[in-house]
Amino acid sequence: MKVLNLQCSQQHSFEGWFASEDDFVAQLSRGLIECPLCADKSIYKMPSAPRLNFGAQQSQGAPGTGSQESPPTTSSTPAGAPKGAVALDRATDAGAGNPAGASPAAQAAFLKALRHVVAHTEDVGEQFAQEARRMHYGEVRARSIRGQASAREAVELLEEGIDVMPLPLPAALKETLQ
């Protein structure tokens, strides 16, 4: 089993588990790998240091001895790719980036908050605006809901004094992760 550190062109970092390096390359070439935050399919394999378990024995090349394996490089890494990334998808938007520079910890906190919202709200789908109005005017019991509304519907709800907030839900949160 190979655990790879991956990053999308928006600089969201995540892990991928694959049977082998060939399995990763095959899945990437078929477009089966996407960022769990933004669904971007321009994915880079980031350099990572393997953990070698030598027990109590410290030898040349063991962790902490200063010997490091250099990351793989390629001359065709697109402009805009993260430093040290291995180019695996040639269809990259070179100008794309994450202006906020969200760290992996910030990404994890964001996903945790979104999972909490999903777990503690009822999905009313495209009936969001109607259901929010019914709750606001006391026609049905007030509860935490989520769903889809157009920008116009959201503005109308706000004008009526109904608090709404846009919330981007990555595709990965809509399904059970394996």
N, C-alpha and C. Protein backbone atom coordinates (compact mmCIF):
# COMPACT_ATOMS: atom_id res chain seq x y z
N MET A 1 0.85 -1.17 0.00
CA MET A 1 0.00 0.00 0.00
C MET A 1 0.90 1.23 0.00
N LYS A 2 0.62 2.15 -0.92
CA LYS A 2 1.37 3.40 -1.02
C LYS A 2 0.49 4.54 -0.52
N VAL A 3 1.00 5.33 0.39
CA VAL A 3 0.32 6.53 0.87
C VAL A 3 1.08 7.71 0.28
N LEU A 4 0.40 8.48 -0.56
CA LEU A 4 1.05 9.58 -1.26
C LEU A 4 0.50 10.92 -0.77
N ASN A 5 1.37 11.90 -0.65
CA ASN A 5 0.97 13.26 -0.35
C ASN A 5 0.65 13.93 -1.68
N LEU A 6 -0.58 14.40 -1.83
CA LEU A 6 -1.03 14.99 -3.08
C LEU A 6 -1.45 16.44 -2.85
N GLN A 7 -1.48 17.20 -3.94
CA GLN A 7 -1.90 18.59 -3.87
C GLN A 7 -2.55 18.95 -5.19
N CYS A 8 -3.65 19.72 -5.13
CA CYS A 8 -4.31 20.16 -6.36
C CYS A 8 -3.71 21.50 -6.80
N SER A 9 -4.16 21.99 -7.95
CA SER A 9 -3.63 23.26 -8.45
C SER A 9 -4.06 24.44 -7.60
N GLN A 10 -5.05 24.25 -6.71
CA GLN A 10 -5.48 25.31 -5.79
C GLN A 10 -4.69 25.24 -4.48
N GLN A 11 -3.71 24.35 -4.42
CA GLN A 11 -2.80 24.15 -3.28
C GLN A 11 -3.48 23.54 -2.06
N HIS A 12 -4.55 22.77 -2.27
CA HIS A 12 -5.15 22.01 -1.18
C HIS A 12 -4.37 20.70 -1.06
N SER A 13 -3.89 20.39 0.13
CA SER A 13 -3.11 19.17 0.35
C SER A 13 -4.00 18.07 0.89
N PHE A 14 -3.74 16.85 0.45
CA PHE A 14 -4.48 15.69 0.93
C PHE A 14 -3.67 14.43 0.68
N GLU A 15 -4.09 13.34 1.29
CA GLU A 15 -3.43 12.04 1.15
C GLU A 15 -4.22 11.17 0.20
N GLY A 16 -3.51 10.31 -0.50
CA GLY A 16 -4.14 9.30 -1.33
C GLY A 16 -3.50 7.96 -1.05
N TRP A 17 -4.32 6.93 -0.94
CA TRP A 17 -3.83 5.57 -0.68
C TRP A 17 -4.03 4.74 -1.93
N PHE A 18 -2.97 4.10 -2.39
CA PHE A 18 -3.01 3.35 -3.63
C PHE A 18 -2.30 2.01 -3.46
N ALA A 19 -2.69 1.05 -4.28
CA ALA A 19 -2.07 -0.28 -4.24
C ALA A 19 -0.61 -0.20 -4.66
N SER A 20 -0.30 0.69 -5.60
CA SER A 20 1.07 0.84 -6.09
C SER A 20 1.20 2.19 -6.78
N GLU A 21 2.41 2.55 -7.15
CA GLU A 21 2.65 3.78 -7.90
C GLU A 21 1.94 3.70 -9.26
N ASP A 22 1.99 2.53 -9.89
CA ASP A 22 1.32 2.35 -11.17
C ASP A 22 -0.19 2.54 -11.05
N ASP A 23 -0.77 2.08 -9.93
CA ASP A 23 -2.20 2.25 -9.68
C ASP A 23 -2.54 3.73 -9.58
N PHE A 24 -1.71 4.50 -8.89
CA PHE A 24 -1.92 5.95 -8.79
C PHE A 24 -1.89 6.59 -10.16
N VAL A 25 -0.87 6.30 -10.95
CA VAL A 25 -0.72 6.91 -12.28
C VAL A 25 -1.91 6.52 -13.17
N ALA A 26 -2.35 5.27 -13.09
CA ALA A 26 -3.48 4.81 -13.90
C ALA A 26 -4.77 5.55 -13.50
N GLN A 27 -5.00 5.68 -12.21
CA GLN A 27 -6.21 6.39 -11.75
C GLN A 27 -6.17 7.86 -12.13
N LEU A 28 -5.00 8.47 -12.02
CA LEU A 28 -4.85 9.88 -12.37
C LEU A 28 -5.10 10.09 -13.87
N SER A 29 -4.56 9.22 -14.70
CA SER A 29 -4.72 9.37 -16.15
C SER A 29 -6.17 9.16 -16.58
N ARG A 30 -6.94 8.39 -15.82
CA ARG A 30 -8.36 8.17 -16.13
C ARG A 30 -9.25 9.24 -15.49
N GLY A 31 -8.65 10.20 -14.78
CA GLY A 31 -9.43 11.28 -14.17
C GLY A 31 -10.21 10.86 -12.95
N LEU A 32 -9.75 9.82 -12.25
CA LEU A 32 -10.47 9.30 -11.09
C LEU A 32 -10.06 9.95 -9.78
N ILE A 33 -9.01 10.78 -9.79
CA ILE A 33 -8.53 11.40 -8.56
C ILE A 33 -8.88 12.88 -8.61
N GLU A 34 -9.51 13.37 -7.54
CA GLU A 34 -9.85 14.78 -7.47
C GLU A 34 -9.67 15.28 -6.05
N CYS A 35 -9.49 16.57 -5.92
CA CYS A 35 -9.32 17.20 -4.62
C CYS A 35 -10.61 17.07 -3.81
N PRO A 36 -10.51 16.62 -2.56
CA PRO A 36 -11.73 16.50 -1.75
C PRO A 36 -12.33 17.84 -1.34
N LEU A 37 -11.58 18.92 -1.48
CA LEU A 37 -12.11 20.24 -1.12
C LEU A 37 -12.78 20.94 -2.29
N CYS A 38 -12.14 20.92 -3.47
CA CYS A 38 -12.65 21.72 -4.57
C CYS A 38 -12.95 20.91 -5.83
N ALA A 39 -12.73 19.61 -5.80
CA ALA A 39 -12.99 18.70 -6.92
C ALA A 39 -12.08 18.96 -8.13
N ASP A 40 -10.98 19.68 -7.93
CA ASP A 40 -10.01 19.92 -8.99
C ASP A 40 -9.35 18.60 -9.36
N LYS A 41 -9.16 18.36 -10.65
CA LYS A 41 -8.54 17.12 -11.09
C LYS A 41 -7.09 17.29 -11.53
N SER A 42 -6.55 18.52 -11.40
CA SER A 42 -5.14 18.75 -11.68
C SER A 42 -4.37 18.46 -10.40
N ILE A 43 -3.87 17.25 -10.30
CA ILE A 43 -3.28 16.76 -9.06
C ILE A 43 -1.78 16.55 -9.24
N TYR A 44 -1.02 16.94 -8.21
CA TYR A 44 0.42 16.75 -8.20
C TYR A 44 0.79 15.83 -7.05
N LYS A 45 1.76 14.99 -7.27
CA LYS A 45 2.32 14.17 -6.20
C LYS A 45 3.44 14.99 -5.56
N MET A 46 3.32 15.21 -4.27
CA MET A 46 4.30 16.01 -3.54
C MET A 46 5.41 15.10 -3.00
N PRO A 47 6.59 15.65 -2.82
CA PRO A 47 7.66 14.84 -2.23
C PRO A 47 7.33 14.51 -0.78
N SER A 48 7.72 13.34 -0.37
CA SER A 48 7.50 12.95 1.02
C SER A 48 8.67 12.09 1.47
N ALA A 49 8.93 12.17 2.74
CA ALA A 49 10.01 11.37 3.32
C ALA A 49 9.43 10.08 3.86
N PRO A 50 9.95 8.95 3.43
CA PRO A 50 9.43 7.69 3.96
C PRO A 50 9.85 7.52 5.41
N ARG A 51 9.03 6.86 6.17
CA ARG A 51 9.39 6.55 7.56
C ARG A 51 10.01 5.17 7.56
N LEU A 52 11.24 5.12 7.94
CA LEU A 52 11.96 3.86 8.00
C LEU A 52 12.11 3.45 9.46
N ASN A 53 11.70 2.28 9.79
CA ASN A 53 11.77 1.81 11.17
C ASN A 53 12.99 0.90 11.32
N PHE A 54 14.04 1.46 11.91
CA PHE A 54 15.26 0.70 12.14
C PHE A 54 15.38 0.26 13.60
N GLY A 55 14.35 0.49 14.38
CA GLY A 55 14.42 0.14 15.79
C GLY A 55 15.45 1.01 16.49
N ALA A 56 16.23 0.42 17.36
CA ALA A 56 17.25 1.16 18.11
C ALA A 56 18.50 1.37 17.29
N GLN A 57 18.64 0.66 16.19
CA GLN A 57 19.85 0.75 15.37
C GLN A 57 19.85 2.07 14.59
N GLN A 58 20.91 2.84 14.73
CA GLN A 58 21.08 4.07 13.97
C GLN A 58 22.22 3.84 12.98
N SER A 59 21.90 3.85 11.70
CA SER A 59 22.94 3.67 10.70
C SER A 59 22.88 4.81 9.71
N GLN A 60 23.87 4.87 8.82
CA GLN A 60 23.89 5.91 7.80
C GLN A 60 22.62 5.82 6.98
N GLY A 61 21.91 6.95 6.81
CA GLY A 61 20.67 6.97 6.05
C GLY A 61 19.45 6.79 6.93
N ALA A 62 19.63 6.47 8.21
CA ALA A 62 18.49 6.31 9.10
C ALA A 62 17.96 7.68 9.49
N PRO A 63 16.71 7.76 9.91
CA PRO A 63 16.16 9.06 10.29
C PRO A 63 16.99 9.72 11.36
N GLY A 64 17.21 11.03 11.19
CA GLY A 64 17.95 11.80 12.17
C GLY A 64 19.44 11.83 11.94
N THR A 65 19.94 11.15 10.90
CA THR A 65 21.38 11.13 10.67
C THR A 65 21.80 12.18 9.65
N GLY A 66 20.83 12.91 9.10
CA GLY A 66 21.17 13.96 8.16
C GLY A 66 21.14 13.51 6.72
N SER A 67 21.10 12.22 6.44
CA SER A 67 21.03 11.74 5.08
C SER A 67 19.59 11.79 4.61
N GLN A 68 19.37 12.44 3.47
CA GLN A 68 18.01 12.56 2.96
C GLN A 68 17.96 12.09 1.54
N GLU A 69 16.82 11.48 1.20
CA GLU A 69 16.59 11.07 -0.17
C GLU A 69 16.06 12.27 -0.93
N SER A 70 16.62 12.57 -2.11
CA SER A 70 16.13 13.73 -2.84
C SER A 70 14.84 13.36 -3.55
N PRO A 71 13.89 14.32 -3.61
CA PRO A 71 12.61 14.04 -4.23
C PRO A 71 12.76 13.88 -5.73
N PRO A 72 11.86 13.13 -6.35
CA PRO A 72 11.92 12.98 -7.79
C PRO A 72 11.64 14.33 -8.45
N THR A 73 12.26 14.55 -9.58
CA THR A 73 12.05 15.80 -10.30
C THR A 73 11.74 15.49 -11.74
N THR A 74 11.20 16.48 -12.42
CA THR A 74 10.92 16.32 -13.83
C THR A 74 11.10 17.68 -14.49
N SER A 75 11.54 17.67 -15.73
CA SER A 75 11.76 18.93 -16.42
C SER A 75 10.46 19.51 -16.95
N SER A 76 9.37 18.74 -16.91
CA SER A 76 8.11 19.22 -17.47
C SER A 76 7.12 19.65 -16.40
N THR A 77 7.57 19.97 -15.20
CA THR A 77 6.67 20.46 -14.17
C THR A 77 6.13 21.81 -14.61
N PRO A 78 4.79 21.96 -14.68
CA PRO A 78 4.21 23.21 -15.17
C PRO A 78 4.50 24.39 -14.25
N ALA A 79 4.52 25.57 -14.84
CA ALA A 79 4.66 26.79 -14.03
C ALA A 79 3.47 26.87 -13.10
N GLY A 80 3.69 27.29 -11.88
CA GLY A 80 2.59 27.40 -10.92
C GLY A 80 2.44 26.16 -10.07
N ALA A 81 3.13 25.07 -10.43
CA ALA A 81 3.05 23.86 -9.62
C ALA A 81 3.80 24.08 -8.32
N PRO A 82 3.39 23.42 -7.25
CA PRO A 82 4.09 23.57 -5.98
C PRO A 82 5.55 23.16 -6.09
N LYS A 83 6.42 23.81 -5.33
CA LYS A 83 7.84 23.51 -5.36
C LYS A 83 8.08 22.05 -5.00
N GLY A 84 8.82 21.35 -5.83
CA GLY A 84 9.13 19.95 -5.58
C GLY A 84 8.07 19.00 -6.09
N ALA A 85 7.02 19.50 -6.70
CA ALA A 85 5.94 18.63 -7.18
C ALA A 85 6.39 17.88 -8.41
N VAL A 86 5.85 16.72 -8.59
CA VAL A 86 6.10 15.93 -9.79
C VAL A 86 4.90 16.13 -10.70
N ALA A 87 5.14 16.56 -11.93
CA ALA A 87 4.05 16.82 -12.85
C ALA A 87 3.43 15.51 -13.29
N LEU A 88 2.15 15.36 -13.03
CA LEU A 88 1.44 14.16 -13.45
C LEU A 88 0.23 14.49 -14.30
N ASP A 89 -0.18 15.74 -14.33
CA ASP A 89 -1.31 16.16 -15.13
C ASP A 89 -0.88 17.37 -15.94
N ARG A 90 -0.80 17.23 -17.21
CA ARG A 90 -0.28 18.29 -18.06
C ARG A 90 -1.32 19.39 -18.31
N ALA A 91 -2.59 19.16 -18.00
CA ALA A 91 -3.65 20.14 -18.26
C ALA A 91 -3.86 21.04 -17.06
N THR A 92 -2.80 21.66 -16.59
CA THR A 92 -2.86 22.49 -15.40
C THR A 92 -3.08 23.94 -15.75
N ASP A 93 -3.91 24.62 -14.96
CA ASP A 93 -4.06 26.06 -15.09
C ASP A 93 -2.89 26.68 -14.33
N ALA A 94 -1.91 27.17 -15.06
CA ALA A 94 -0.69 27.66 -14.43
C ALA A 94 -0.92 28.85 -13.52
N GLY A 95 -1.95 29.64 -13.77
CA GLY A 95 -2.18 30.81 -12.94
C GLY A 95 -2.99 30.51 -11.69
N ALA A 96 -3.50 29.31 -11.57
CA ALA A 96 -4.35 29.00 -10.42
C ALA A 96 -3.51 28.91 -9.16
N GLY A 97 -4.10 29.25 -8.06
CA GLY A 97 -3.42 29.16 -6.77
C GLY A 97 -4.41 29.39 -5.67
N ASN A 98 -3.98 29.22 -4.48
CA ASN A 98 -4.83 29.43 -3.33
C ASN A 98 -4.41 30.74 -2.68
N PRO A 99 -5.12 31.84 -2.96
CA PRO A 99 -4.67 33.12 -2.44
C PRO A 99 -4.67 33.17 -0.92
N ALA A 100 -5.53 32.42 -0.31
CA ALA A 100 -5.56 32.43 1.15
C ALA A 100 -4.41 31.63 1.73
N GLY A 101 -3.80 30.75 0.93
CA GLY A 101 -2.68 29.95 1.41
C GLY A 101 -3.07 29.08 2.60
N ALA A 102 -4.24 28.47 2.53
CA ALA A 102 -4.74 27.67 3.65
C ALA A 102 -3.79 26.52 3.96
N SER A 103 -3.41 26.43 5.21
CA SER A 103 -2.53 25.36 5.65
C SER A 103 -3.33 24.06 5.76
N PRO A 104 -2.65 22.92 5.78
CA PRO A 104 -3.38 21.66 5.97
C PRO A 104 -4.22 21.67 7.25
N ALA A 105 -3.74 22.33 8.31
CA ALA A 105 -4.52 22.41 9.55
C ALA A 105 -5.78 23.23 9.35
N ALA A 106 -5.68 24.33 8.60
CA ALA A 106 -6.85 25.16 8.32
C ALA A 106 -7.85 24.40 7.44
N GLN A 107 -7.33 23.65 6.46
CA GLN A 107 -8.20 22.84 5.61
C GLN A 107 -8.93 21.79 6.45
N ALA A 108 -8.21 21.16 7.35
CA ALA A 108 -8.82 20.13 8.21
C ALA A 108 -9.89 20.75 9.10
N ALA A 109 -9.63 21.93 9.66
CA ALA A 109 -10.61 22.60 10.51
C ALA A 109 -11.85 22.97 9.70
N PHE A 110 -11.66 23.45 8.48
CA PHE A 110 -12.77 23.79 7.60
C PHE A 110 -13.63 22.56 7.31
N LEU A 111 -12.99 21.45 6.95
CA LEU A 111 -13.73 20.22 6.67
C LEU A 111 -14.45 19.71 7.91
N LYS A 112 -13.82 19.84 9.08
CA LYS A 112 -14.47 19.41 10.32
C LYS A 112 -15.73 20.22 10.58
N ALA A 113 -15.64 21.53 10.37
CA ALA A 113 -16.80 22.40 10.56
C ALA A 113 -17.91 22.05 9.57
N LEU A 114 -17.55 21.81 8.31
CA LEU A 114 -18.56 21.43 7.32
C LEU A 114 -19.20 20.10 7.65
N ARG A 115 -18.41 19.13 8.12
CA ARG A 115 -18.98 17.83 8.52
C ARG A 115 -19.96 18.01 9.67
N HIS A 116 -19.65 18.91 10.61
CA HIS A 116 -20.54 19.19 11.72
C HIS A 116 -21.87 19.76 11.21
N VAL A 117 -21.78 20.71 10.27
CA VAL A 117 -22.99 21.30 9.70
C VAL A 117 -23.83 20.23 9.01
N VAL A 118 -23.19 19.39 8.20
CA VAL A 118 -23.92 18.34 7.48
C VAL A 118 -24.58 17.37 8.47
N ALA A 119 -23.88 17.04 9.52
CA ALA A 119 -24.40 16.08 10.50
C ALA A 119 -25.55 16.65 11.33
N HIS A 120 -25.61 17.96 11.49
CA HIS A 120 -26.59 18.57 12.39
C HIS A 120 -27.63 19.44 11.68
N THR A 121 -27.79 19.24 10.38
CA THR A 121 -28.81 19.98 9.64
C THR A 121 -29.59 19.01 8.76
N GLU A 122 -30.78 19.44 8.39
CA GLU A 122 -31.62 18.65 7.48
C GLU A 122 -31.46 19.21 6.07
N ASP A 123 -31.20 18.35 5.10
CA ASP A 123 -31.06 18.79 3.71
C ASP A 123 -32.46 18.86 3.09
N VAL A 124 -32.89 20.09 2.77
CA VAL A 124 -34.21 20.27 2.15
C VAL A 124 -34.09 20.52 0.65
N GLY A 125 -32.88 20.39 0.12
CA GLY A 125 -32.64 20.48 -1.32
C GLY A 125 -33.07 21.80 -1.92
N GLU A 126 -33.75 21.71 -3.06
CA GLU A 126 -34.14 22.91 -3.79
C GLU A 126 -35.32 23.64 -3.14
N GLN A 127 -35.89 23.07 -2.10
CA GLN A 127 -37.01 23.71 -1.38
C GLN A 127 -36.51 24.62 -0.25
N PHE A 128 -35.20 24.95 -0.27
CA PHE A 128 -34.62 25.71 0.82
C PHE A 128 -35.34 27.04 1.07
N ALA A 129 -35.53 27.84 0.03
CA ALA A 129 -36.14 29.17 0.21
C ALA A 129 -37.56 29.04 0.77
N GLN A 130 -38.33 28.12 0.23
CA GLN A 130 -39.70 27.94 0.70
C GLN A 130 -39.73 27.47 2.16
N GLU A 131 -38.86 26.53 2.49
CA GLU A 131 -38.84 25.99 3.86
C GLU A 131 -38.34 27.03 4.85
N ALA A 132 -37.36 27.84 4.46
CA ALA A 132 -36.86 28.91 5.34
C ALA A 132 -37.97 29.92 5.62
N ARG A 133 -38.76 30.26 4.60
CA ARG A 133 -39.88 31.19 4.80
C ARG A 133 -40.93 30.56 5.72
N ARG A 134 -41.27 29.31 5.51
CA ARG A 134 -42.29 28.64 6.35
C ARG A 134 -41.86 28.64 7.82
N MET A 135 -40.57 28.41 8.07
CA MET A 135 -40.07 28.43 9.45
C MET A 135 -40.12 29.85 10.01
N HIS A 136 -39.68 30.81 9.20
CA HIS A 136 -39.63 32.21 9.65
C HIS A 136 -41.02 32.73 10.03
N TYR A 137 -42.02 32.35 9.27
CA TYR A 137 -43.38 32.84 9.52
C TYR A 137 -44.18 31.91 10.44
N GLY A 138 -43.52 30.92 11.06
CA GLY A 138 -44.16 30.08 12.06
C GLY A 138 -45.09 29.02 11.51
N GLU A 139 -45.04 28.72 10.25
CA GLU A 139 -45.91 27.70 9.65
C GLU A 139 -45.43 26.29 10.00
N VAL A 140 -44.13 26.13 10.22
CA VAL A 140 -43.56 24.83 10.61
C VAL A 140 -42.56 25.06 11.73
N ARG A 141 -42.23 23.99 12.43
CA ARG A 141 -41.26 24.05 13.53
C ARG A 141 -39.90 24.52 13.01
N ALA A 142 -39.29 25.43 13.74
CA ALA A 142 -37.95 25.92 13.37
C ALA A 142 -36.91 24.83 13.63
N ARG A 143 -36.01 24.66 12.70
CA ARG A 143 -34.93 23.68 12.81
C ARG A 143 -33.78 24.13 11.90
N SER A 144 -32.65 23.48 12.03
CA SER A 144 -31.49 23.82 11.20
C SER A 144 -31.63 23.09 9.86
N ILE A 145 -31.59 23.86 8.79
CA ILE A 145 -31.73 23.28 7.45
C ILE A 145 -30.59 23.75 6.56
N ARG A 146 -30.41 23.04 5.46
CA ARG A 146 -29.49 23.42 4.41
C ARG A 146 -30.10 22.99 3.09
N GLY A 147 -29.69 23.61 2.02
CA GLY A 147 -30.20 23.25 0.70
C GLY A 147 -29.68 24.21 -0.34
N GLN A 148 -30.32 24.23 -1.49
CA GLN A 148 -29.87 25.07 -2.59
C GLN A 148 -30.87 26.20 -2.79
N ALA A 149 -30.33 27.38 -3.07
CA ALA A 149 -31.13 28.55 -3.42
C ALA A 149 -30.34 29.37 -4.43
N SER A 150 -31.05 30.01 -5.33
CA SER A 150 -30.37 30.87 -6.30
C SER A 150 -29.91 32.13 -5.57
N ALA A 151 -29.05 32.88 -6.21
CA ALA A 151 -28.58 34.14 -5.63
C ALA A 151 -29.75 35.08 -5.41
N ARG A 152 -30.67 35.10 -6.34
CA ARG A 152 -31.85 35.97 -6.22
C ARG A 152 -32.70 35.55 -5.02
N GLU A 153 -32.93 34.25 -4.86
CA GLU A 153 -33.71 33.77 -3.71
C GLU A 153 -33.03 34.13 -2.40
N ALA A 154 -31.71 34.00 -2.35
CA ALA A 154 -30.97 34.33 -1.13
C ALA A 154 -31.12 35.80 -0.79
N VAL A 155 -31.03 36.68 -1.78
CA VAL A 155 -31.20 38.12 -1.55
C VAL A 155 -32.61 38.41 -1.06
N GLU A 156 -33.60 37.78 -1.67
CA GLU A 156 -34.99 37.98 -1.25
C GLU A 156 -35.19 37.54 0.20
N LEU A 157 -34.60 36.42 0.58
CA LEU A 157 -34.71 35.95 1.96
C LEU A 157 -34.09 36.97 2.92
N LEU A 158 -32.93 37.47 2.57
CA LEU A 158 -32.26 38.48 3.41
C LEU A 158 -33.10 39.75 3.54
N GLU A 159 -33.72 40.16 2.44
CA GLU A 159 -34.57 41.36 2.46
C GLU A 159 -35.80 41.16 3.36
N GLU A 160 -36.25 39.91 3.50
CA GLU A 160 -37.39 39.59 4.36
C GLU A 160 -36.96 39.43 5.82
N GLY A 161 -35.67 39.56 6.08
CA GLY A 161 -35.17 39.42 7.45
C GLY A 161 -34.86 37.99 7.84
N ILE A 162 -34.74 37.13 6.86
CA ILE A 162 -34.42 35.73 7.12
C ILE A 162 -32.93 35.54 6.90
N ASP A 163 -32.21 35.15 7.96
CA ASP A 163 -30.76 34.99 7.87
C ASP A 163 -30.41 33.73 7.09
N VAL A 164 -29.62 33.90 6.05
CA VAL A 164 -29.10 32.78 5.26
C VAL A 164 -27.62 33.02 5.04
N MET A 165 -26.91 31.94 4.78
CA MET A 165 -25.47 32.05 4.55
C MET A 165 -25.06 31.03 3.49
N PRO A 166 -24.35 31.48 2.45
CA PRO A 166 -23.87 30.51 1.45
C PRO A 166 -22.81 29.61 2.09
N LEU A 167 -22.87 28.35 1.77
CA LEU A 167 -21.94 27.38 2.35
C LEU A 167 -21.51 26.41 1.27
N PRO A 168 -20.26 26.50 0.82
CA PRO A 168 -19.79 25.56 -0.20
C PRO A 168 -19.58 24.19 0.42
N LEU A 169 -20.21 23.19 -0.15
CA LEU A 169 -20.03 21.82 0.33
C LEU A 169 -19.27 21.03 -0.72
N PRO A 170 -18.01 20.65 -0.44
CA PRO A 170 -17.26 19.83 -1.38
C PRO A 170 -17.97 18.50 -1.62
N ALA A 171 -17.79 17.97 -2.81
CA ALA A 171 -18.44 16.71 -3.18
C ALA A 171 -18.10 15.60 -2.19
N ALA A 172 -16.90 15.63 -1.64
CA ALA A 172 -16.46 14.57 -0.72
C ALA A 172 -17.31 14.52 0.53
N LEU A 173 -17.93 15.62 0.92
CA LEU A 173 -18.76 15.61 2.12
C LEU A 173 -20.16 15.11 1.85
N LYS A 174 -20.54 15.02 0.60
CA LYS A 174 -21.88 14.58 0.26
C LYS A 174 -22.00 13.08 0.21
N GLU A 175 -20.86 12.39 0.21
CA GLU A 175 -20.85 10.94 0.16
C GLU A 175 -19.94 10.42 1.27
N THR A 176 -20.11 9.15 1.60
CA THR A 176 -19.26 8.53 2.60
C THR A 176 -17.88 8.28 1.99
N LEU A 177 -16.85 8.73 2.69
CA LEU A 177 -15.49 8.50 2.20
C LEU A 177 -15.06 7.08 2.56
N GLN A 178 -14.39 6.45 1.64
CA GLN A 178 -13.90 5.08 1.87
C GLN A 178 -12.50 5.13 2.39
